[in-house]
Amino acid sequence: MKTNMGWADRIIRIVIAAVFAILFFTKVVTGGWGIVFLIIAIIFLVTGIIGNCPLYSVLKCNTLFSKKKE
């Protein structure tokens, strides 16, 4: 699997995942919205850890900054 996310993007996703999980588990957000927050938190955590976002692949987007070999 090819990485298409830079470190800043990965860290931001993991922080958002943590915030959403905290909101869910402290019962600040409950019901249907709580489940949505938890699902988004899981997706953001997994994509942040592996460094690959399937949506970025579909949209041909890349936040990974790497030096090109010439």
PDB file of N, CA and C in Angstrom:
ATOM      1  N   MET A   1       0.850  -1.164   0.000  1.00  0.00           N
ATOM      2  CA  MET A   1       0.000   0.000   0.000  1.00  0.00           C
ATOM      3  C   MET A   1       0.902   1.236   0.000  1.00  0.00           C
ATOM      4  N   LYS A   2       0.648   2.133  -0.917  1.00  0.00           N
ATOM      5  CA  LYS A   2       1.463   3.327  -1.064  1.00  0.00           C
ATOM      6  C   LYS A   2       0.946   4.442  -0.152  1.00  0.00           C
ATOM      7  N   THR A   3       1.875   5.114   0.503  1.00  0.00           N
ATOM      8  CA  THR A   3       1.523   6.217   1.406  1.00  0.00           C
ATOM      9  C   THR A   3       1.170   7.457   0.583  1.00  0.00           C
ATOM     10  N   ASN A   4       0.066   8.106   0.927  1.00  0.00           N
ATOM     11  CA  ASN A   4      -0.321   9.332   0.230  1.00  0.00           C
ATOM     12  C   ASN A   4      -0.661  10.469   1.202  1.00  0.00           C
ATOM     13  N   MET A   5      -0.213  10.312   2.462  1.00  0.00           N
ATOM     14  CA  MET A   5      -0.482  11.328   3.473  1.00  0.00           C
ATOM     15  C   MET A   5       0.822  11.765   4.132  1.00  0.00           C
ATOM     16  N   GLY A   6       0.983  13.080   4.288  1.00  0.00           N
ATOM     17  CA  GLY A   6       2.147  13.616   4.974  1.00  0.00           C
ATOM     18  C   GLY A   6       1.979  13.534   6.480  1.00  0.00           C
ATOM     19  N   TRP A   7       3.069  13.830   7.199  1.00  0.00           N
ATOM     20  CA  TRP A   7       3.039  13.742   8.659  1.00  0.00           C
ATOM     21  C   TRP A   7       2.034  14.698   9.280  1.00  0.00           C
ATOM     22  N   ALA A   8       1.939  15.913   8.779  1.00  0.00           N
ATOM     23  CA  ALA A   8       0.987  16.883   9.349  1.00  0.00           C
ATOM     24  C   ALA A   8      -0.442  16.369   9.213  1.00  0.00           C
ATOM     25  N   ASP A   9      -0.779  15.843   8.051  1.00  0.00           N
ATOM     26  CA  ASP A   9      -2.113  15.300   7.802  1.00  0.00           C
ATOM     27  C   ASP A   9      -2.391  14.123   8.738  1.00  0.00           C
ATOM     28  N   ARG A  10      -1.411  13.267   8.920  1.00  0.00           N
ATOM     29  CA  ARG A  10      -1.577  12.094   9.779  1.00  0.00           C
ATOM     30  C   ARG A  10      -1.793  12.505  11.233  1.00  0.00           C
ATOM     31  N   ILE A  11      -1.013  13.470  11.716  1.00  0.00           N
ATOM     32  CA  ILE A  11      -1.140  13.920  13.100  1.00  0.00           C
ATOM     33  C   ILE A  11      -2.488  14.592  13.328  1.00  0.00           C
ATOM     34  N   ILE A  12      -2.905  15.417  12.390  1.00  0.00           N
ATOM     35  CA  ILE A  12      -4.208  16.087  12.503  1.00  0.00           C
ATOM     36  C   ILE A  12      -5.333  15.062  12.569  1.00  0.00           C
ATOM     37  N   ARG A  13      -5.270  14.039  11.733  1.00  0.00           N
ATOM     38  CA  ARG A  13      -6.305  12.997  11.748  1.00  0.00           C
ATOM     39  C   ARG A  13      -6.341  12.248  13.074  1.00  0.00           C
ATOM     40  N   ILE A  14      -5.176  11.932  13.615  1.00  0.00           N
ATOM     41  CA  ILE A  14      -5.130  11.200  14.879  1.00  0.00           C
ATOM     42  C   ILE A  14      -5.663  12.063  16.024  1.00  0.00           C
ATOM     43  N   VAL A  15      -5.346  13.354  16.021  1.00  0.00           N
ATOM     44  CA  VAL A  15      -5.861  14.262  17.052  1.00  0.00           C
ATOM     45  C   VAL A  15      -7.383  14.386  16.943  1.00  0.00           C
ATOM     46  N   ILE A  16      -7.897  14.532  15.723  1.00  0.00           N
ATOM     47  CA  ILE A  16      -9.360  14.615  15.531  1.00  0.00           C
ATOM     48  C   ILE A  16     -10.018  13.317  15.985  1.00  0.00           C
ATOM     49  N   ALA A  17      -9.407  12.183  15.668  1.00  0.00           N
ATOM     50  CA  ALA A  17      -9.948  10.894  16.101  1.00  0.00           C
ATOM     51  C   ALA A  17     -10.012  10.822  17.622  1.00  0.00           C
ATOM     52  N   ALA A  18      -8.975  11.297  18.294  1.00  0.00           N
ATOM     53  CA  ALA A  18      -8.961  11.286  19.757  1.00  0.00           C
ATOM     54  C   ALA A  18     -10.057  12.186  20.322  1.00  0.00           C
ATOM     55  N   VAL A  19     -10.218  13.363  19.754  1.00  0.00           N
ATOM     56  CA  VAL A  19     -11.252  14.292  20.222  1.00  0.00           C
ATOM     57  C   VAL A  19     -12.640  13.686  20.023  1.00  0.00           C
ATOM     58  N   PHE A  20     -12.900  13.114  18.847  1.00  0.00           N
ATOM     59  CA  PHE A  20     -14.209  12.505  18.590  1.00  0.00           C
ATOM     60  C   PHE A  20     -14.471  11.329  19.536  1.00  0.00           C
ATOM     61  N   ALA A  21     -13.453  10.516  19.791  1.00  0.00           N
ATOM     62  CA  ALA A  21     -13.618   9.379  20.701  1.00  0.00           C
ATOM     63  C   ALA A  21     -13.889   9.866  22.123  1.00  0.00           C
ATOM     64  N   ILE A  22     -13.178  10.886  22.546  1.00  0.00           N
ATOM     65  CA  ILE A  22     -13.406  11.444  23.885  1.00  0.00           C
ATOM     66  C   ILE A  22     -14.819  11.989  24.007  1.00  0.00           C
ATOM     67  N   LEU A  23     -15.278  12.702  22.973  1.00  0.00           N
ATOM     68  CA  LEU A  23     -16.651  13.230  22.995  1.00  0.00           C
ATOM     69  C   LEU A  23     -17.676  12.109  23.090  1.00  0.00           C
ATOM     70  N   PHE A  24     -17.416  10.999  22.408  1.00  0.00           N
ATOM     71  CA  PHE A  24     -18.343   9.868  22.444  1.00  0.00           C
ATOM     72  C   PHE A  24     -18.323   9.181  23.804  1.00  0.00           C
ATOM     73  N   PHE A  25     -17.130   8.857  24.301  1.00  0.00           N
ATOM     74  CA  PHE A  25     -17.030   8.078  25.535  1.00  0.00           C
ATOM     75  C   PHE A  25     -17.358   8.887  26.788  1.00  0.00           C
ATOM     76  N   THR A  26     -17.290  10.204  26.735  1.00  0.00           N
ATOM     77  CA  THR A  26     -17.717  11.028  27.874  1.00  0.00           C
ATOM     78  C   THR A  26     -19.193  11.407  27.761  1.00  0.00           C
ATOM     79  N   LYS A  27     -19.845  10.882  26.738  1.00  0.00           N
ATOM     80  CA  LYS A  27     -21.278  11.078  26.501  1.00  0.00           C
ATOM     81  C   LYS A  27     -21.658  12.532  26.254  1.00  0.00           C
ATOM     82  N   VAL A  28     -20.729  13.307  25.699  1.00  0.00           N
ATOM     83  CA  VAL A  28     -21.046  14.660  25.265  1.00  0.00           C
ATOM     84  C   VAL A  28     -21.886  14.576  23.999  1.00  0.00           C
ATOM     85  N   VAL A  29     -21.535  13.626  23.131  1.00  0.00           N
ATOM     86  CA  VAL A  29     -22.291  13.375  21.904  1.00  0.00           C
ATOM     87  C   VAL A  29     -22.845  11.959  22.018  1.00  0.00           C
ATOM     88  N   THR A  30     -24.177  11.836  21.934  1.00  0.00           N
ATOM     89  CA  THR A  30     -24.805  10.525  22.103  1.00  0.00           C
ATOM     90  C   THR A  30     -25.742  10.233  20.943  1.00  0.00           C
ATOM     91  N   GLY A  31     -26.316   9.066  20.981  1.00  0.00           N
ATOM     92  CA  GLY A  31     -27.296   8.672  19.971  1.00  0.00           C
ATOM     93  C   GLY A  31     -26.665   8.449  18.616  1.00  0.00           C
ATOM     94  N   GLY A  32     -27.410   8.809  17.587  1.00  0.00           N
ATOM     95  CA  GLY A  32     -26.945   8.619  16.217  1.00  0.00           C
ATOM     96  C   GLY A  32     -25.690   9.405  15.901  1.00  0.00           C
ATOM     97  N   TRP A  33     -25.648  10.639  16.389  1.00  0.00           N
ATOM     98  CA  TRP A  33     -24.459  11.461  16.148  1.00  0.00           C
ATOM     99  C   TRP A  33     -23.239  10.886  16.866  1.00  0.00           C
ATOM    100  N   GLY A  34     -23.446  10.293  18.002  1.00  0.00           N
ATOM    101  CA  GLY A  34     -22.348   9.665  18.723  1.00  0.00           C
ATOM    102  C   GLY A  34     -21.744   8.511  17.934  1.00  0.00           C
ATOM    103  N   ILE A  35     -22.602   7.706  17.326  1.00  0.00           N
ATOM    104  CA  ILE A  35     -22.137   6.595  16.492  1.00  0.00           C
ATOM    105  C   ILE A  35     -21.383   7.127  15.281  1.00  0.00           C
ATOM    106  N   VAL A  36     -21.914   8.185  14.662  1.00  0.00           N
ATOM    107  CA  VAL A  36     -21.231   8.795  13.509  1.00  0.00           C
ATOM    108  C   VAL A  36     -19.852   9.305  13.926  1.00  0.00           C
ATOM    109  N   PHE A  37     -19.767   9.979  15.066  1.00  0.00           N
ATOM    110  CA  PHE A  37     -18.474  10.473  15.560  1.00  0.00           C
ATOM    111  C   PHE A  37     -17.506   9.326  15.797  1.00  0.00           C
ATOM    112  N   LEU A  38     -17.996   8.225  16.371  1.00  0.00           N
ATOM    113  CA  LEU A  38     -17.139   7.083  16.650  1.00  0.00           C
ATOM    114  C   LEU A  38     -16.631   6.435  15.361  1.00  0.00           C
ATOM    115  N   ILE A  39     -17.488   6.310  14.368  1.00  0.00           N
ATOM    116  CA  ILE A  39     -17.082   5.728  13.083  1.00  0.00           C
ATOM    117  C   ILE A  39     -16.036   6.617  12.407  1.00  0.00           C
ATOM    118  N   ILE A  40     -16.265   7.926  12.424  1.00  0.00           N
ATOM    119  CA  ILE A  40     -15.293   8.847  11.833  1.00  0.00           C
ATOM    120  C   ILE A  40     -13.967   8.766  12.604  1.00  0.00           C
ATOM    121  N   ALA A  41     -14.039   8.654  13.919  1.00  0.00           N
ATOM    122  CA  ALA A  41     -12.822   8.540  14.728  1.00  0.00           C
ATOM    123  C   ALA A  41     -12.035   7.287  14.350  1.00  0.00           C
ATOM    124  N   ILE A  42     -12.716   6.184  14.158  1.00  0.00           N
ATOM    125  CA  ILE A  42     -12.037   4.937  13.785  1.00  0.00           C
ATOM    126  C   ILE A  42     -11.394   5.067  12.416  1.00  0.00           C
ATOM    127  N   ILE A  43     -12.126   5.631  11.462  1.00  0.00           N
ATOM    128  CA  ILE A  43     -11.582   5.808  10.110  1.00  0.00           C
ATOM    129  C   ILE A  43     -10.375   6.725  10.125  1.00  0.00           C
ATOM    130  N   PHE A  44     -10.482   7.858  10.831  1.00  0.00           N
ATOM    131  CA  PHE A  44      -9.354   8.791  10.908  1.00  0.00           C
ATOM    132  C   PHE A  44      -8.147   8.165  11.600  1.00  0.00           C
ATOM    133  N   LEU A  45      -8.387   7.382  12.652  1.00  0.00           N
ATOM    134  CA  LEU A  45      -7.283   6.740  13.361  1.00  0.00           C
ATOM    135  C   LEU A  45      -6.565   5.729  12.464  1.00  0.00           C
ATOM    136  N   VAL A  46      -7.326   4.900  11.788  1.00  0.00           N
ATOM    137  CA  VAL A  46      -6.719   3.881  10.916  1.00  0.00           C
ATOM    138  C   VAL A  46      -5.967   4.531   9.762  1.00  0.00           C
ATOM    139  N   THR A  47      -6.583   5.493   9.081  1.00  0.00           N
ATOM    140  CA  THR A  47      -5.898   6.137   7.960  1.00  0.00           C
ATOM    141  C   THR A  47      -4.699   6.944   8.435  1.00  0.00           C
ATOM    142  N   GLY A  48      -4.775   7.521   9.623  1.00  0.00           N
ATOM    143  CA  GLY A  48      -3.648   8.262  10.174  1.00  0.00           C
ATOM    144  C   GLY A  48      -2.474   7.358  10.517  1.00  0.00           C
ATOM    145  N   ILE A  49      -2.771   6.180  11.006  1.00  0.00           N
ATOM    146  CA  ILE A  49      -1.705   5.240  11.370  1.00  0.00           C
ATOM    147  C   ILE A  49      -1.053   4.632  10.138  1.00  0.00           C
ATOM    148  N   ILE A  50      -1.857   4.199   9.159  1.00  0.00           N
ATOM    149  CA  ILE A  50      -1.268   3.540   7.990  1.00  0.00           C
ATOM    150  C   ILE A  50      -0.748   4.524   6.957  1.00  0.00           C
ATOM    151  N   GLY A  51      -1.208   5.778   7.014  1.00  0.00           N
ATOM    152  CA  GLY A  51      -0.700   6.801   6.099  1.00  0.00           C
ATOM    153  C   GLY A  51      -1.280   6.751   4.709  1.00  0.00           C
ATOM    154  N   ASN A  52      -2.397   6.078   4.558  1.00  0.00           N
ATOM    155  CA  ASN A  52      -3.035   5.993   3.252  1.00  0.00           C
ATOM    156  C   ASN A  52      -4.518   6.291   3.389  1.00  0.00           C
ATOM    157  N   CYS A  53      -5.002   7.224   2.569  1.00  0.00           N
ATOM    158  CA  CYS A  53      -6.417   7.569   2.557  1.00  0.00           C
ATOM    159  C   CYS A  53      -7.007   7.124   1.220  1.00  0.00           C
ATOM    160  N   PRO A  54      -7.950   6.183   1.229  1.00  0.00           N
ATOM    161  CA  PRO A  54      -8.551   5.727  -0.023  1.00  0.00           C
ATOM    162  C   PRO A  54      -9.242   6.847  -0.806  1.00  0.00           C
ATOM    163  N   LEU A  55      -9.831   7.805  -0.106  1.00  0.00           N
ATOM    164  CA  LEU A  55     -10.479   8.928  -0.784  1.00  0.00           C
ATOM    165  C   LEU A  55      -9.450   9.768  -1.531  1.00  0.00           C
ATOM    166  N   TYR A  56      -8.274   9.956  -0.950  1.00  0.00           N
ATOM    167  CA  TYR A  56      -7.203  10.679  -1.631  1.00  0.00           C
ATOM    168  C   TYR A  56      -6.806   9.957  -2.922  1.00  0.00           C
ATOM    169  N   SER A  57      -6.790   8.636  -2.879  1.00  0.00           N
ATOM    170  CA  SER A  57      -6.437   7.869  -4.072  1.00  0.00           C
ATOM    171  C   SER A  57      -7.460   8.084  -5.184  1.00  0.00           C
ATOM    172  N   VAL A  58      -8.726   8.074  -4.820  1.00  0.00           N
ATOM    173  CA  VAL A  58      -9.796   8.281  -5.809  1.00  0.00           C
ATOM    174  C   VAL A  58      -9.717   9.678  -6.404  1.00  0.00           C
ATOM    175  N   LEU A  59      -9.440  10.674  -5.559  1.00  0.00           N
ATOM    176  CA  LEU A  59      -9.386  12.064  -6.009  1.00  0.00           C
ATOM    177  C   LEU A  59      -8.020  12.461  -6.555  1.00  0.00           C
ATOM    178  N   LYS A  60      -7.077  11.511  -6.579  1.00  0.00           N
ATOM    179  CA  LYS A  60      -5.704  11.763  -7.052  1.00  0.00           C
ATOM    180  C   LYS A  60      -5.047  12.884  -6.245  1.00  0.00           C
ATOM    181  N   CYS A  61      -5.292  12.873  -4.934  1.00  0.00           N
ATOM    182  CA  CYS A  61      -4.753  13.873  -4.022  1.00  0.00           C
ATOM    183  C   CYS A  61      -3.601  13.257  -3.241  1.00  0.00           C
ATOM    184  N   ASN A  62      -2.637  14.093  -2.870  1.00  0.00           N
ATOM    185  CA  ASN A  62      -1.481  13.604  -2.151  1.00  0.00           C
ATOM    186  C   ASN A  62      -0.948  14.726  -1.264  1.00  0.00           C
ATOM    187  N   THR A  63      -0.857  14.477   0.045  1.00  0.00           N
ATOM    188  CA  THR A  63      -0.303  15.481   0.947  1.00  0.00           C
ATOM    189  C   THR A  63       1.101  15.102   1.392  1.00  0.00           C
ATOM    190  N   LEU A  64       1.639  14.063   0.794  1.00  0.00           N
ATOM    191  CA  LEU A  64       2.994  13.621   1.118  1.00  0.00           C
ATOM    192  C   LEU A  64       3.985  14.444   0.314  1.00  0.00           C
ATOM    193  N   PHE A  65       4.854  15.147   1.017  1.00  0.00           N
ATOM    194  CA  PHE A  65       5.856  15.963   0.359  1.00  0.00           C
ATOM    195  C   PHE A  65       7.160  15.189   0.318  1.00  0.00           C
ATOM    196  N   SER A  66       7.562  14.809  -0.862  1.00  0.00           N
ATOM    197  CA  SER A  66       8.811  14.079  -0.987  1.00  0.00           C
ATOM    198  C   SER A  66       9.628  14.675  -2.113  1.00  0.00           C
ATOM    199  N   LYS A  67      10.931  14.503  -2.024  1.00  0.00           N
ATOM    200  CA  LYS A  67      11.810  15.039  -3.055  1.00  0.00           C
ATOM    201  C   LYS A  67      11.724  14.141  -4.283  1.00  0.00           C
ATOM    202  N   LYS A  68      11.552  14.772  -5.431  1.00  0.00           N
ATOM    203  CA  LYS A  68      11.493  14.030  -6.675  1.00  0.00           C
ATOM    204  C   LYS A  68      12.908  13.781  -7.181  1.00  0.00           C
ATOM    205  N   LYS A  69      13.128  12.570  -7.661  1.00  0.00           N
ATOM    206  CA  LYS A  69      14.425  12.236  -8.241  1.00  0.00           C
ATOM    207  C   LYS A  69      14.426  12.675  -9.695  1.00  0.00           C
ATOM    208  N   GLU A  70      15.453  13.414 -10.071  1.00  0.00           N
ATOM    209  CA  GLU A  70      15.534  13.891 -11.452  1.00  0.00           C
ATOM    210  C   GLU A  70      16.631  13.200 -12.186  1.00  0.00           C
TER     211      GLU A  70
END
